[in-house]
Protein backbone atom coordinates (compact mmCIF):
# COMPACT_ATOMS: atom_id res chain seq x y z
CA UNK A 1 -0.65 1.66 -13.18
CA UNK A 2 -0.65 4.70 -10.92
CA UNK A 3 -3.70 6.26 -12.58
CA UNK A 4 -5.71 3.04 -12.55
CA UNK A 5 -4.92 2.48 -8.87
CA UNK A 6 -5.80 6.09 -8.05
CA UNK A 7 -9.20 5.57 -9.72
CA UNK A 8 -9.80 2.46 -7.61
CA UNK A 9 -8.86 4.38 -4.46
CA UNK A 10 -11.15 7.30 -5.30
CA UNK A 11 -14.05 4.97 -6.08
CA UNK A 12 -13.66 2.40 -3.31
CA UNK A 13 -11.81 3.71 -0.28
CA UNK A 14 -13.57 5.13 2.77
CA UNK A 15 -10.84 7.78 3.06
CA UNK A 16 -9.55 8.29 -0.47
CA UNK A 17 -7.27 11.21 0.49
CA UNK A 18 -5.20 9.05 2.83
CA UNK A 19 -5.26 6.18 0.34
CA UNK A 20 -3.80 8.47 -2.31
CA UNK A 21 -1.08 9.61 0.11
CA UNK A 22 -0.09 5.97 0.69
CA UNK A 23 -0.13 5.31 -3.06
CA UNK A 24 2.38 8.13 -3.58
CA UNK A 25 4.60 6.71 -0.84
CA UNK A 26 4.47 3.23 -2.38
CA UNK A 27 6.30 4.46 -5.47
CA UNK A 28 9.25 5.37 -3.24
CA UNK A 29 8.83 2.56 -0.72
CA UNK A 30 6.96 -0.40 -2.26
CA UNK A 31 7.14 -2.49 0.93
CA UNK A 32 5.51 -0.92 3.98
CA UNK A 33 4.19 -1.82 7.44
CA UNK A 34 1.13 -0.39 9.14
CA UNK A 35 3.35 1.40 11.67
CA UNK A 36 5.32 3.04 8.86
CA UNK A 37 2.07 4.11 7.20
CA UNK A 38 0.94 5.67 10.51
CA UNK A 39 4.10 7.72 10.76
CA UNK A 40 4.26 8.70 7.09
CA UNK A 41 0.72 10.04 6.78
CA UNK A 42 0.18 10.93 10.45
CA UNK A 43 -2.84 8.76 11.23
CA UNK A 44 -3.71 6.36 14.05
CA UNK A 45 -2.81 2.68 13.90
CA UNK A 46 -6.46 1.58 13.39
CA UNK A 47 -6.86 4.07 10.54
CA UNK A 48 -3.67 2.89 8.83
CA UNK A 49 -4.70 -0.75 9.33
CA UNK A 50 -8.05 -0.04 7.70
CA UNK A 51 -6.40 1.69 4.74
CA UNK A 52 -3.94 -1.18 4.24
CA UNK A 53 -6.88 -3.60 4.36
CA UNK A 54 -8.62 -1.65 1.61
CA UNK A 55 -5.47 -1.81 -0.52
CA UNK A 56 -5.42 -5.60 -0.10
CA UNK A 57 -9.17 -6.01 -0.73
CA UNK A 58 -8.77 -4.11 -3.99
CA UNK A 59 -5.76 -6.17 -5.09
CA UNK A 60 -3.28 -3.28 -4.98
CA UNK A 61 -1.17 -4.61 -2.09
CA UNK A 62 -0.46 -8.11 -0.88
CA UNK A 63 0.16 -8.89 2.78
CA UNK A 64 2.92 -11.14 4.06
CA UNK A 65 0.68 -13.38 6.16
CA UNK A 66 3.65 -15.28 7.59
CA UNK A 67 4.21 -12.47 10.09
CA UNK A 68 1.67 -11.60 12.77
CA UNK A 69 3.49 -8.55 14.07
CA UNK A 70 5.03 -5.96 11.78
CA UNK A 71 3.30 -7.51 8.78
CA UNK A 72 4.75 -6.23 5.54
CA UNK A 73 2.54 -5.10 2.68
CA UNK A 74 3.99 -5.29 -0.81
CA UNK A 75 3.13 -3.31 -3.90
CA UNK A 76 3.92 -6.42 -5.93
CA UNK A 77 2.88 -5.11 -9.34
CA UNK A 78 5.30 -2.18 -8.97
CA UNK A 79 8.08 -4.38 -7.59
CA UNK A 80 7.73 -6.69 -10.59
CA UNK A 81 7.89 -3.70 -12.93
CA UNK A 82 11.13 -2.58 -11.29
CA UNK A 83 12.58 -6.08 -11.51
CA UNK A 84 11.86 -6.38 -15.24
CA UNK A 85 15.18 -6.35 -17.03
CA UNK A 86 17.25 -6.46 -13.85
CA UNK A 87 18.95 -9.27 -12.04
CA UNK A 88 17.24 -8.84 -8.65
């Protein structure tokens, strides 16, 4: 999963280096907000928003559209992998 998503990021993202940084973070924190992404990779809010949009466009993250502010982005495929065999 990680390798295939890294290939997508390298091929499709405007700023692949920051996309790869977020991908690494998602394996420790699979639910993230734009503000958290800003702080974790030290980029501006518009840059982080653009990166999160690219993750969604490429089907890597899904956005919780119910929230307008502090929208949460989920690495659903990874969350489901973690839940397999557990009672979460």
